[in-house]
Amino acid sequence: MFDAYTNDEAWWKELQAVVKAKISVKQSGDDGEKAAKQKNDEEMTKLLCTVSQSFEVDQLPFEYARSIDLMLVGLRQSFLLGIIRTGDYQEVLPNLMGTASSQQCFSRFMRVQFNAAIIAWLQVGQRREYGRLKETMKDVFAFCEQSSNQVTGSFISEFLVKDILQAGAQGVKDFRANKVKKLTDYFNNEENAVNGLNPYLLRFVASYLVKKDSSLLRDTKNCLATLINLHLCCVIYFQDPPLTRKLLKSALKLISFGIKNCQTLAKAGEITAIVQNKLVKLVTSGIDYSDESTSENKRLTAQQLLFLEIHLQIDAL
């Protein structure tokens, strides 16, 4: 799925430049998380000031009507989520995803709700809905795993392929085209919220499948290598140190899954796809792990150490 990208010479040069600037350089002191948080806080304050200064009284009726529309949409979505959370899954879910078309609508609905919950958490610190939504998705996945219904039983497989792998491939193209840096900016766009892949959703689904020792990671063609690639692409494009660390730890779990299931995956050629992965080699080989720069009081960052661990884990394959 990523061959077309890694064989694109222009894109490859862009990636090399980003990796050199963002990943390769050792830092003094901490790994930049405090500086990144301070910068984010400053940008949020600046945004609030800009919005307040641009407010015009004659626009009040329009803004009021728009706010009411958004509130009503949010209430309808919350009502549907409430039904899903509290209802009997045996009755509710087959009705919501009784056909392939309705299953796709349900998947998009859950993705949009996930994006909205993440934005609310990152922008205003409201984490409660994000936590509740993750629990709901776990319950839905668990029900579908046990379902004898052909449509609901295939939900996780379809969600993985269409809403993670395929959406991720398109997402990488968008990240490149839009020079995206901040997750909140990218997913505040309605089209991106519907069609794009949120890195937090990527991490959530990958972690769920690894924890469940899901056969989907073994049986879906190029799944493991593509998931690892998607994690690394999000690390490269989004300027978010806390998210970067979470994505790298999630990628490590996927590689550990590969080590655990090495024989099965090797027969299907999946291990070769990981070991010969050009993107993995780019981000892990671009770091100088020597001690020559210690005289300059510089050291490896936390994320570079995670890249080193990824490198060592892949060598173990």
C-alpha atoms as a PDB file:
ATOM      1  CA  MET A   1       0.000   0.000   0.000  1.00  0.00           C
ATOM      2  CA  PHE A   2       2.945   2.319   0.592  1.00  0.00           C
ATOM      3  CA  ASP A   3       5.103   1.195  -2.329  1.00  0.00           C
ATOM      4  CA  ALA A   4       3.822   4.034  -4.505  1.00  0.00           C
ATOM      5  CA  TYR A   5       4.900   6.554  -1.861  1.00  0.00           C
ATOM      6  CA  THR A   6       8.314   5.164  -1.050  1.00  0.00           C
ATOM      7  CA  ASN A   7       9.093   4.938  -4.771  1.00  0.00           C
ATOM      8  CA  ASP A   8       8.097   8.576  -5.293  1.00  0.00           C
ATOM      9  CA  GLU A   9      11.470  10.318  -5.465  1.00  0.00           C
ATOM     10  CA  ALA A  10      10.121  13.814  -4.718  1.00  0.00           C
ATOM     11  CA  TRP A  11       8.178  12.580  -1.682  1.00  0.00           C
ATOM     12  CA  TRP A  12      11.171  10.596  -0.498  1.00  0.00           C
ATOM     13  CA  LYS A  13      13.378  13.691  -0.576  1.00  0.00           C
ATOM     14  CA  GLU A  14      10.762  15.611   1.398  1.00  0.00           C
ATOM     15  CA  LEU A  15      10.683  12.869   4.024  1.00  0.00           C
ATOM     16  CA  GLN A  16      14.471  12.832   4.288  1.00  0.00           C
ATOM     17  CA  ALA A  17      14.481  16.595   4.895  1.00  0.00           C
ATOM     18  CA  VAL A  18      11.758  16.339   7.557  1.00  0.00           C
ATOM     19  CA  VAL A  19      13.486  13.441   9.315  1.00  0.00           C
ATOM     20  CA  LYS A  20      16.791  15.300   9.315  1.00  0.00           C
ATOM     21  CA  ALA A  21      15.218  18.430  10.819  1.00  0.00           C
ATOM     22  CA  LYS A  22      12.809  16.806  13.235  1.00  0.00           C
ATOM     23  CA  ILE A  23      14.236  13.447  14.282  1.00  0.00           C
ATOM     24  CA  SER A  24      17.965  13.273  13.642  1.00  0.00           C
ATOM     25  CA  VAL A  25      19.209  16.184  15.748  1.00  0.00           C
ATOM     26  CA  LYS A  26      20.150  15.582  19.373  1.00  0.00           C
ATOM     27  CA  GLN A  27      18.899  18.107  21.890  1.00  0.00           C
ATOM     28  CA  SER A  28      20.190  19.566  25.102  1.00  0.00           C
ATOM     29  CA  GLY A  29      18.050  19.503  28.207  1.00  0.00           C
ATOM     30  CA  ASP A  30      14.568  17.992  27.858  1.00  0.00           C
ATOM     31  CA  ASP A  31      13.108  16.653  24.621  1.00  0.00           C
ATOM     32  CA  GLY A  32      11.149  19.776  23.803  1.00  0.00           C
ATOM     33  CA  GLU A  33       7.766  18.789  25.217  1.00  0.00           C
ATOM     34  CA  LYS A  34       7.636  21.753  27.599  1.00  0.00           C
ATOM     35  CA  ALA A  35       8.547  24.137  24.798  1.00  0.00           C
ATOM     36  CA  ALA A  36       5.924  22.572  22.545  1.00  0.00           C
ATOM     37  CA  LYS A  37       3.244  22.890  25.226  1.00  0.00           C
ATOM     38  CA  GLN A  38       4.172  26.517  25.882  1.00  0.00           C
ATOM     39  CA  LYS A  39       4.001  27.287  22.170  1.00  0.00           C
ATOM     40  CA  ASN A  40       0.603  25.585  21.904  1.00  0.00           C
ATOM     41  CA  ASP A  41      -0.727  27.609  24.852  1.00  0.00           C
ATOM     42  CA  GLU A  42       0.546  30.817  23.281  1.00  0.00           C
ATOM     43  CA  GLU A  43      -1.093  29.967  19.954  1.00  0.00           C
ATOM     44  CA  MET A  44      -4.397  29.203  21.683  1.00  0.00           C
ATOM     45  CA  THR A  45      -4.292  32.536  23.528  1.00  0.00           C
ATOM     46  CA  LYS A  46      -3.501  34.338  20.277  1.00  0.00           C
ATOM     47  CA  LEU A  47      -6.396  32.560  18.540  1.00  0.00           C
ATOM     48  CA  LEU A  48      -8.863  33.563  21.262  1.00  0.00           C
ATOM     49  CA  CYS A  49      -7.704  37.183  21.024  1.00  0.00           C
ATOM     50  CA  THR A  50      -8.056  37.158  17.238  1.00  0.00           C
ATOM     51  CA  VAL A  51     -11.569  35.710  17.407  1.00  0.00           C
ATOM     52  CA  SER A  52     -12.711  38.216  20.028  1.00  0.00           C
ATOM     53  CA  GLN A  53     -11.260  41.158  18.091  1.00  0.00           C
ATOM     54  CA  SER A  54     -12.854  40.067  14.803  1.00  0.00           C
ATOM     55  CA  PHE A  55     -16.351  39.815  16.296  1.00  0.00           C
ATOM     56  CA  GLU A  56     -18.877  42.087  14.560  1.00  0.00           C
ATOM     57  CA  VAL A  57     -22.280  42.949  16.020  1.00  0.00           C
ATOM     58  CA  ASP A  58     -24.069  42.766  12.671  1.00  0.00           C
ATOM     59  CA  GLN A  59     -22.983  39.130  12.370  1.00  0.00           C
ATOM     60  CA  LEU A  60     -24.660  38.174  15.657  1.00  0.00           C
ATOM     61  CA  PRO A  61     -27.913  36.775  14.112  1.00  0.00           C
ATOM     62  CA  PHE A  62     -25.924  34.629  11.674  1.00  0.00           C
ATOM     63  CA  GLU A  63     -23.559  33.321  14.363  1.00  0.00           C
ATOM     64  CA  TYR A  64     -26.499  32.620  16.673  1.00  0.00           C
ATOM     65  CA  ALA A  65     -28.339  30.590  14.000  1.00  0.00           C
ATOM     66  CA  ARG A  66     -25.139  28.722  13.164  1.00  0.00           C
ATOM     67  CA  SER A  67     -24.518  27.932  16.818  1.00  0.00           C
ATOM     68  CA  ILE A  68     -28.090  26.607  17.221  1.00  0.00           C
ATOM     69  CA  ASP A  69     -27.649  24.371  14.146  1.00  0.00           C
ATOM     70  CA  LEU A  70     -24.383  22.988  15.489  1.00  0.00           C
ATOM     71  CA  MET A  71     -25.932  22.442  18.908  1.00  0.00           C
ATOM     72  CA  LEU A  72     -28.866  20.505  17.400  1.00  0.00           C
ATOM     73  CA  VAL A  73     -26.522  18.332  15.341  1.00  0.00           C
ATOM     74  CA  GLY A  74     -24.483  17.655  18.468  1.00  0.00           C
ATOM     75  CA  LEU A  75     -27.607  16.773  20.460  1.00  0.00           C
ATOM     76  CA  ARG A  76     -28.771  14.299  17.788  1.00  0.00           C
ATOM     77  CA  GLN A  77     -25.346  12.681  17.705  1.00  0.00           C
ATOM     78  CA  SER A  78     -25.207  12.500  21.508  1.00  0.00           C
ATOM     79  CA  PHE A  79     -28.699  10.963  21.542  1.00  0.00           C
ATOM     80  CA  LEU A  80     -27.644   8.251  19.089  1.00  0.00           C
ATOM     81  CA  LEU A  81     -24.482   7.560  21.092  1.00  0.00           C
ATOM     82  CA  GLY A  82     -26.624   7.282  24.226  1.00  0.00           C
ATOM     83  CA  ILE A  83     -28.799   4.654  22.523  1.00  0.00           C
ATOM     84  CA  ILE A  84     -25.711   2.706  21.489  1.00  0.00           C
ATOM     85  CA  ARG A  85     -24.198   2.867  24.976  1.00  0.00           C
ATOM     86  CA  THR A  86     -27.288   1.915  26.946  1.00  0.00           C
ATOM     87  CA  GLY A  87     -29.200  -0.233  24.468  1.00  0.00           C
ATOM     88  CA  ASP A  88     -29.166  -3.970  23.932  1.00  0.00           C
ATOM     89  CA  TYR A  89     -26.460  -4.575  21.353  1.00  0.00           C
ATOM     90  CA  GLN A  90     -28.342  -7.630  20.062  1.00  0.00           C
ATOM     91  CA  GLU A  91     -31.127  -5.292  18.939  1.00  0.00           C
ATOM     92  CA  VAL A  92     -29.368  -1.966  18.334  1.00  0.00           C
ATOM     93  CA  LEU A  93     -26.266  -2.881  16.306  1.00  0.00           C
ATOM     94  CA  PRO A  94     -27.880  -5.182  13.699  1.00  0.00           C
ATOM     95  CA  ASN A  95     -30.303  -2.325  12.960  1.00  0.00           C
ATOM     96  CA  LEU A  96     -27.505   0.226  12.666  1.00  0.00           C
ATOM     97  CA  MET A  97     -25.304  -1.942  10.435  1.00  0.00           C
ATOM     98  CA  GLY A  98     -27.726  -4.417   8.898  1.00  0.00           C
ATOM     99  CA  THR A  99     -26.336  -3.838   5.395  1.00  0.00           C
ATOM    100  CA  ALA A 100     -22.914  -3.060   3.999  1.00  0.00           C
ATOM    101  CA  SER A 101     -24.065   0.498   3.239  1.00  0.00           C
ATOM    102  CA  SER A 102     -25.432   1.155   6.732  1.00  0.00           C
ATOM    103  CA  GLN A 103     -22.304  -0.419   8.232  1.00  0.00           C
ATOM    104  CA  GLN A 104     -20.186   2.118   6.363  1.00  0.00           C
ATOM    105  CA  CYS A 105     -22.401   4.965   7.637  1.00  0.00           C
ATOM    106  CA  PHE A 106     -22.045   3.662  11.180  1.00  0.00           C
ATOM    107  CA  SER A 107     -18.247   3.480  10.794  1.00  0.00           C
ATOM    108  CA  ARG A 108     -18.105   7.077   9.595  1.00  0.00           C
ATOM    109  CA  PHE A 109     -20.340   8.181  12.444  1.00  0.00           C
ATOM    110  CA  MET A 110     -18.031   6.568  14.994  1.00  0.00           C
ATOM    111  CA  ARG A 111     -14.960   8.109  13.345  1.00  0.00           C
ATOM    112  CA  VAL A 112     -16.487  11.588  13.353  1.00  0.00           C
ATOM    113  CA  GLN A 113     -17.452  11.208  17.014  1.00  0.00           C
ATOM    114  CA  PHE A 114     -13.937  10.030  17.828  1.00  0.00           C
ATOM    115  CA  ASN A 115     -12.428  13.043  16.061  1.00  0.00           C
ATOM    116  CA  ALA A 116     -14.788  15.426  17.866  1.00  0.00           C
ATOM    117  CA  ALA A 117     -13.902  13.904  21.232  1.00  0.00           C
ATOM    118  CA  ILE A 118     -10.178  14.247  20.511  1.00  0.00           C
ATOM    119  CA  ILE A 119     -10.554  17.879  19.429  1.00  0.00           C
ATOM    120  CA  ALA A 120     -12.547  18.666  22.587  1.00  0.00           C
ATOM    121  CA  TRP A 121      -9.832  17.087  24.713  1.00  0.00           C
ATOM    122  CA  LEU A 122      -6.907  18.802  22.971  1.00  0.00           C
ATOM    123  CA  GLN A 123      -8.512  22.247  22.733  1.00  0.00           C
ATOM    124  CA  VAL A 124     -10.414  22.601  26.002  1.00  0.00           C
ATOM    125  CA  GLY A 125      -9.130  19.705  28.115  1.00  0.00           C
ATOM    126  CA  GLN A 126     -12.460  17.804  28.105  1.00  0.00           C
ATOM    127  CA  ARG A 127     -11.233  14.206  28.249  1.00  0.00           C
ATOM    128  CA  ARG A 128     -14.390  12.531  29.622  1.00  0.00           C
ATOM    129  CA  GLU A 129     -16.130  12.033  26.266  1.00  0.00           C
ATOM    130  CA  TYR A 130     -12.945  10.663  24.705  1.00  0.00           C
ATOM    131  CA  GLY A 131     -12.657   8.048  27.453  1.00  0.00           C
ATOM    132  CA  ARG A 132     -16.344   7.101  27.187  1.00  0.00           C
ATOM    133  CA  LEU A 133     -16.143   6.807  23.401  1.00  0.00           C
ATOM    134  CA  LYS A 134     -13.151   4.469  23.582  1.00  0.00           C
ATOM    135  CA  GLU A 135     -15.044   2.212  25.976  1.00  0.00           C
ATOM    136  CA  THR A 136     -18.075   2.241  23.653  1.00  0.00           C
ATOM    137  CA  MET A 137     -15.937   1.277  20.657  1.00  0.00           C
ATOM    138  CA  LYS A 138     -14.315  -1.540  22.636  1.00  0.00           C
ATOM    139  CA  ASP A 139     -17.774  -2.852  23.544  1.00  0.00           C
ATOM    140  CA  VAL A 140     -18.934  -2.622  19.913  1.00  0.00           C
ATOM    141  CA  PHE A 141     -15.817  -4.422  18.691  1.00  0.00           C
ATOM    142  CA  ALA A 142     -16.203  -7.135  21.344  1.00  0.00           C
ATOM    143  CA  PHE A 143     -19.862  -7.697  20.402  1.00  0.00           C
ATOM    144  CA  CYS A 144     -19.043  -7.915  16.696  1.00  0.00           C
ATOM    145  CA  GLU A 145     -16.254 -10.416  17.354  1.00  0.00           C
ATOM    146  CA  GLN A 146     -18.811 -12.778  18.919  1.00  0.00           C
ATOM    147  CA  SER A 147     -21.607 -12.067  16.436  1.00  0.00           C
ATOM    148  CA  SER A 148     -22.846 -14.859  14.172  1.00  0.00           C
ATOM    149  CA  ASN A 149     -24.432 -12.252  11.870  1.00  0.00           C
ATOM    150  CA  GLN A 150     -22.399 -11.991   8.675  1.00  0.00           C
ATOM    151  CA  VAL A 151     -22.541  -8.182   8.464  1.00  0.00           C
ATOM    152  CA  THR A 152     -21.933  -7.320  12.122  1.00  0.00           C
ATOM    153  CA  GLY A 153     -19.391 -10.135  12.377  1.00  0.00           C
ATOM    154  CA  SER A 154     -17.309  -8.562   9.609  1.00  0.00           C
ATOM    155  CA  PHE A 155     -17.442  -5.065  11.110  1.00  0.00           C
ATOM    156  CA  ILE A 156     -13.943  -5.029  12.656  1.00  0.00           C
ATOM    157  CA  SER A 157     -12.336  -6.404   9.510  1.00  0.00           C
ATOM    158  CA  GLU A 158     -14.110  -3.827   7.340  1.00  0.00           C
ATOM    159  CA  PHE A 159     -13.285  -1.042   9.796  1.00  0.00           C
ATOM    160  CA  LEU A 160      -9.604  -2.010   9.810  1.00  0.00           C
ATOM    161  CA  VAL A 161      -9.298  -2.142   6.020  1.00  0.00           C
ATOM    162  CA  LYS A 162     -11.486   0.811   4.999  1.00  0.00           C
ATOM    163  CA  ASP A 163     -11.336   3.172   7.973  1.00  0.00           C
ATOM    164  CA  ILE A 164      -7.728   2.604   9.034  1.00  0.00           C
ATOM    165  CA  LEU A 165      -5.558   1.201   6.226  1.00  0.00           C
ATOM    166  CA  GLN A 166      -7.256   2.784   3.201  1.00  0.00           C
ATOM    167  CA  ALA A 167      -8.152   6.011   5.012  1.00  0.00           C
ATOM    168  CA  GLY A 168      -4.571   6.150   6.258  1.00  0.00           C
ATOM    169  CA  ALA A 169      -3.131   5.852   2.760  1.00  0.00           C
ATOM    170  CA  GLN A 170      -5.307   8.765   1.647  1.00  0.00           C
ATOM    171  CA  GLY A 171      -4.459  10.634   4.839  1.00  0.00           C
ATOM    172  CA  VAL A 172      -0.740  10.491   4.109  1.00  0.00           C
ATOM    173  CA  LYS A 173      -1.370  12.100   0.716  1.00  0.00           C
ATOM    174  CA  ASP A 174      -3.360  14.856   2.429  1.00  0.00           C
ATOM    175  CA  PHE A 175      -0.701  15.373   5.117  1.00  0.00           C
ATOM    176  CA  ARG A 176       1.837  15.907   2.380  1.00  0.00           C
ATOM    177  CA  ALA A 177      -0.354  18.143   0.205  1.00  0.00           C
ATOM    178  CA  ASN A 178      -1.521  20.358   3.073  1.00  0.00           C
ATOM    179  CA  LYS A 179       1.812  20.485   4.940  1.00  0.00           C
ATOM    180  CA  VAL A 180      -0.185  19.587   8.039  1.00  0.00           C
ATOM    181  CA  LYS A 181       1.474  20.161  11.420  1.00  0.00           C
ATOM    182  CA  LYS A 182      -1.265  20.498  14.040  1.00  0.00           C
ATOM    183  CA  LEU A 183      -3.825  17.752  14.483  1.00  0.00           C
ATOM    184  CA  THR A 184      -6.513  20.154  15.734  1.00  0.00           C
ATOM    185  CA  ASP A 185      -6.208  22.312  12.606  1.00  0.00           C
ATOM    186  CA  TYR A 186      -6.456  19.344  10.252  1.00  0.00           C
ATOM    187  CA  PHE A 187      -9.436  17.607  11.886  1.00  0.00           C
ATOM    188  CA  ASN A 188     -11.447  20.774  12.472  1.00  0.00           C
ATOM    189  CA  ASN A 189     -12.197  20.473   8.753  1.00  0.00           C
ATOM    190  CA  GLU A 190     -15.442  18.490   8.260  1.00  0.00           C
ATOM    191  CA  GLU A 191     -14.213  16.599   5.198  1.00  0.00           C
ATOM    192  CA  ASN A 192     -11.038  15.517   6.985  1.00  0.00           C
ATOM    193  CA  ALA A 193     -13.062  14.498  10.040  1.00  0.00           C
ATOM    194  CA  VAL A 194     -15.206  12.228   7.850  1.00  0.00           C
ATOM    195  CA  ASN A 195     -12.547  10.829   5.510  1.00  0.00           C
ATOM    196  CA  GLY A 196      -9.194  11.314   7.242  1.00  0.00           C
ATOM    197  CA  LEU A 197      -7.438   9.065   9.720  1.00  0.00           C
ATOM    198  CA  ASN A 198      -6.954  10.492  13.193  1.00  0.00           C
ATOM    199  CA  PRO A 199      -3.619   9.294  14.679  1.00  0.00           C
ATOM    200  CA  TYR A 200      -5.343   8.680  18.009  1.00  0.00           C
ATOM    201  CA  LEU A 201      -7.868   6.389  16.293  1.00  0.00           C
ATOM    202  CA  LEU A 202      -5.004   4.604  14.522  1.00  0.00           C
ATOM    203  CA  ARG A 203      -3.285   4.022  17.862  1.00  0.00           C
ATOM    204  CA  PHE A 204      -6.512   2.939  19.563  1.00  0.00           C
ATOM    205  CA  VAL A 205      -7.405   0.312  16.939  1.00  0.00           C
ATOM    206  CA  ALA A 206      -3.826  -1.001  16.708  1.00  0.00           C
ATOM    207  CA  SER A 207      -3.569  -1.334  20.492  1.00  0.00           C
ATOM    208  CA  TYR A 208      -6.958  -3.062  20.664  1.00  0.00           C
ATOM    209  CA  LEU A 209      -6.013  -5.636  18.015  1.00  0.00           C
ATOM    210  CA  VAL A 210      -2.621  -6.332  19.611  1.00  0.00           C
ATOM    211  CA  LYS A 211      -4.159  -6.752  23.070  1.00  0.00           C
ATOM    212  CA  LYS A 212      -6.760  -9.156  21.661  1.00  0.00           C
ATOM    213  CA  ASP A 213      -4.061 -11.038  19.731  1.00  0.00           C
ATOM    214  CA  SER A 214      -6.331 -10.550  16.734  1.00  0.00           C
ATOM    215  CA  SER A 215      -5.982 -12.873  13.766  1.00  0.00           C
ATOM    216  CA  LEU A 216      -6.650  -9.831  11.560  1.00  0.00           C
ATOM    217  CA  LEU A 217      -3.076  -8.679  12.148  1.00  0.00           C
ATOM    218  CA  ARG A 218      -1.841 -12.047  10.878  1.00  0.00           C
ATOM    219  CA  ASP A 219      -4.298 -12.650   8.056  1.00  0.00           C
ATOM    220  CA  THR A 220      -4.872  -9.208   6.488  1.00  0.00           C
ATOM    221  CA  LYS A 221      -2.360  -8.723   3.682  1.00  0.00           C
ATOM    222  CA  ASN A 222       0.378  -6.163   4.460  1.00  0.00           C
ATOM    223  CA  CYS A 223      -1.573  -5.118   7.532  1.00  0.00           C
ATOM    224  CA  LEU A 224       1.234  -5.081  10.082  1.00  0.00           C
ATOM    225  CA  ALA A 225       3.775  -3.291   7.871  1.00  0.00           C
ATOM    226  CA  THR A 226       1.173  -0.724   6.774  1.00  0.00           C
ATOM    227  CA  LEU A 227       0.082   0.000  10.351  1.00  0.00           C
ATOM    228  CA  ILE A 228       3.718   0.573  11.334  1.00  0.00           C
ATOM    229  CA  ASN A 229       4.163   2.873   8.328  1.00  0.00           C
ATOM    230  CA  LEU A 230       1.064   4.871   9.248  1.00  0.00           C
ATOM    231  CA  HIS A 231       2.338   5.347  12.800  1.00  0.00           C
ATOM    232  CA  LEU A 232       5.672   6.633  11.503  1.00  0.00           C
ATOM    233  CA  CYS A 233       4.059   8.943   8.918  1.00  0.00           C
ATOM    234  CA  CYS A 234       1.960  10.543  11.666  1.00  0.00           C
ATOM    235  CA  VAL A 235       5.111  10.963  13.753  1.00  0.00           C
ATOM    236  CA  ILE A 236       6.865  12.667  10.841  1.00  0.00           C
ATOM    237  CA  TYR A 237       4.076  15.048   9.874  1.00  0.00           C
ATOM    238  CA  PHE A 238       2.444  16.075  13.170  1.00  0.00           C
ATOM    239  CA  GLN A 239       4.402  18.369  15.477  1.00  0.00           C
ATOM    240  CA  ASP A 240       3.150  16.966  18.764  1.00  0.00           C
ATOM    241  CA  PRO A 241       5.793  15.442  21.120  1.00  0.00           C
ATOM    242  CA  PRO A 242       3.304  13.681  23.478  1.00  0.00           C
ATOM    243  CA  LEU A 243       1.462  12.151  20.497  1.00  0.00           C
ATOM    244  CA  THR A 244       4.793  11.172  18.948  1.00  0.00           C
ATOM    245  CA  ARG A 245       5.777   9.194  22.021  1.00  0.00           C
ATOM    246  CA  LYS A 246       2.401   7.423  22.128  1.00  0.00           C
ATOM    247  CA  LEU A 247       2.596   6.507  18.442  1.00  0.00           C
ATOM    248  CA  LEU A 248       6.137   5.146  18.758  1.00  0.00           C
ATOM    249  CA  LYS A 249       5.146   3.015  21.756  1.00  0.00           C
ATOM    250  CA  SER A 250       2.166   1.735  19.762  1.00  0.00           C
ATOM    251  CA  ALA A 251       4.471   0.895  16.828  1.00  0.00           C
ATOM    252  CA  LEU A 252       6.687  -1.041  19.244  1.00  0.00           C
ATOM    253  CA  LYS A 253       3.671  -3.113  20.313  1.00  0.00           C
ATOM    254  CA  LEU A 254       2.991  -3.949  16.665  1.00  0.00           C
ATOM    255  CA  ILE A 255       6.611  -5.006  16.139  1.00  0.00           C
ATOM    256  CA  SER A 256       6.480  -7.121  19.310  1.00  0.00           C
ATOM    257  CA  PHE A 257       3.354  -8.768  17.899  1.00  0.00           C
ATOM    258  CA  GLY A 258       5.375  -9.523  14.756  1.00  0.00           C
ATOM    259  CA  ILE A 259       8.143 -11.125  16.824  1.00  0.00           C
ATOM    260  CA  LYS A 260       5.612 -13.210  18.754  1.00  0.00           C
ATOM    261  CA  ASN A 261       3.965 -14.424  15.528  1.00  0.00           C
ATOM    262  CA  CYS A 262       7.141 -14.508  13.459  1.00  0.00           C
ATOM    263  CA  GLN A 263       6.725 -17.984  11.955  1.00  0.00           C
ATOM    264  CA  THR A 264       3.142 -17.453  10.816  1.00  0.00           C
ATOM    265  CA  LEU A 265       3.869 -14.003   9.402  1.00  0.00           C
ATOM    266  CA  ALA A 266       7.086 -15.148   7.705  1.00  0.00           C
ATOM    267  CA  LYS A 267       5.184 -17.747   5.686  1.00  0.00           C
ATOM    268  CA  ALA A 268       2.918 -15.007   4.350  1.00  0.00           C
ATOM    269  CA  GLY A 269       5.868 -12.732   3.562  1.00  0.00           C
ATOM    270  CA  GLU A 270       4.801 -10.154   6.157  1.00  0.00           C
ATOM    271  CA  ILE A 271       8.086 -10.211   8.092  1.00  0.00           C
ATOM    272  CA  THR A 272      10.035  -9.368   4.932  1.00  0.00           C
ATOM    273  CA  ALA A 273       7.750  -6.374   4.385  1.00  0.00           C
ATOM    274  CA  ILE A 274       8.629  -5.085   7.861  1.00  0.00           C
ATOM    275  CA  VAL A 275      12.364  -5.804   7.796  1.00  0.00           C
ATOM    276  CA  GLN A 276      12.807  -4.259   4.349  1.00  0.00           C
ATOM    277  CA  ASN A 277      10.547  -1.312   5.150  1.00  0.00           C
ATOM    278  CA  LYS A 278      12.201   1.793   3.651  1.00  0.00           C
ATOM    279  CA  LEU A 279      10.395   4.236   5.924  1.00  0.00           C
ATOM    280  CA  VAL A 280      11.455   2.389   9.078  1.00  0.00           C
ATOM    281  CA  LYS A 281      15.048   2.360   7.846  1.00  0.00           C
ATOM    282  CA  LEU A 282      14.900   6.076   7.072  1.00  0.00           C
ATOM    283  CA  VAL A 283      13.771   7.175  10.538  1.00  0.00           C
ATOM    284  CA  THR A 284      15.967   4.739  12.476  1.00  0.00           C
ATOM    285  CA  SER A 285      19.167   5.111  10.476  1.00  0.00           C
ATOM    286  CA  GLY A 286      19.002   8.903  10.394  1.00  0.00           C
ATOM    287  CA  ILE A 287      19.971   9.249  14.054  1.00  0.00           C
ATOM    288  CA  ASP A 288      23.570   9.394  15.290  1.00  0.00           C
ATOM    289  CA  TYR A 289      23.591   7.125  18.347  1.00  0.00           C
ATOM    290  CA  SER A 290      27.284   7.663  19.062  1.00  0.00           C
ATOM    291  CA  ASP A 291      28.656   9.465  22.124  1.00  0.00           C
ATOM    292  CA  GLU A 292      30.832  11.851  20.116  1.00  0.00           C
ATOM    293  CA  SER A 293      28.583  14.835  20.837  1.00  0.00           C
ATOM    294  CA  THR A 294      28.566  14.412  24.621  1.00  0.00           C
ATOM    295  CA  SER A 295      31.201  17.111  24.940  1.00  0.00           C
ATOM    296  CA  GLU A 296      28.572  19.523  23.638  1.00  0.00           C
ATOM    297  CA  ASN A 297      26.259  18.500  26.472  1.00  0.00           C
ATOM    298  CA  LYS A 298      23.751  17.010  24.051  1.00  0.00           C
ATOM    299  CA  ARG A 299      21.934  13.726  24.332  1.00  0.00           C
ATOM    300  CA  LEU A 300      19.352  11.563  22.596  1.00  0.00           C
ATOM    301  CA  THR A 301      15.782  12.704  23.025  1.00  0.00           C
ATOM    302  CA  ALA A 302      13.072  10.444  24.435  1.00  0.00           C
ATOM    303  CA  GLN A 303      11.660   9.903  20.953  1.00  0.00           C
ATOM    304  CA  GLN A 304      15.098   9.063  19.525  1.00  0.00           C
ATOM    305  CA  LEU A 305      15.503   6.400  22.204  1.00  0.00           C
ATOM    306  CA  LEU A 306      12.158   4.958  21.132  1.00  0.00           C
ATOM    307  CA  PHE A 307      13.369   4.931  17.526  1.00  0.00           C
ATOM    308  CA  LEU A 308      16.478   3.084  18.704  1.00  0.00           C
ATOM    309  CA  GLU A 309      14.269   0.507  20.414  1.00  0.00           C
ATOM    310  CA  ILE A 310      12.241   0.106  17.197  1.00  0.00           C
ATOM    311  CA  HIS A 311      15.501  -0.431  15.302  1.00  0.00           C
ATOM    312  CA  LEU A 312      16.651  -3.110  17.768  1.00  0.00           C
ATOM    313  CA  GLN A 313      13.250  -4.831  17.773  1.00  0.00           C
ATOM    314  CA  ILE A 314      13.210  -5.039  13.971  1.00  0.00           C
ATOM    315  CA  ASP A 315      16.747  -6.450  14.037  1.00  0.00           C
ATOM    316  CA  ALA A 316      15.361  -9.169  16.320  1.00  0.00           C
ATOM    317  CA  LEU A 317      13.029 -10.238  13.519  1.00  0.00           C
END
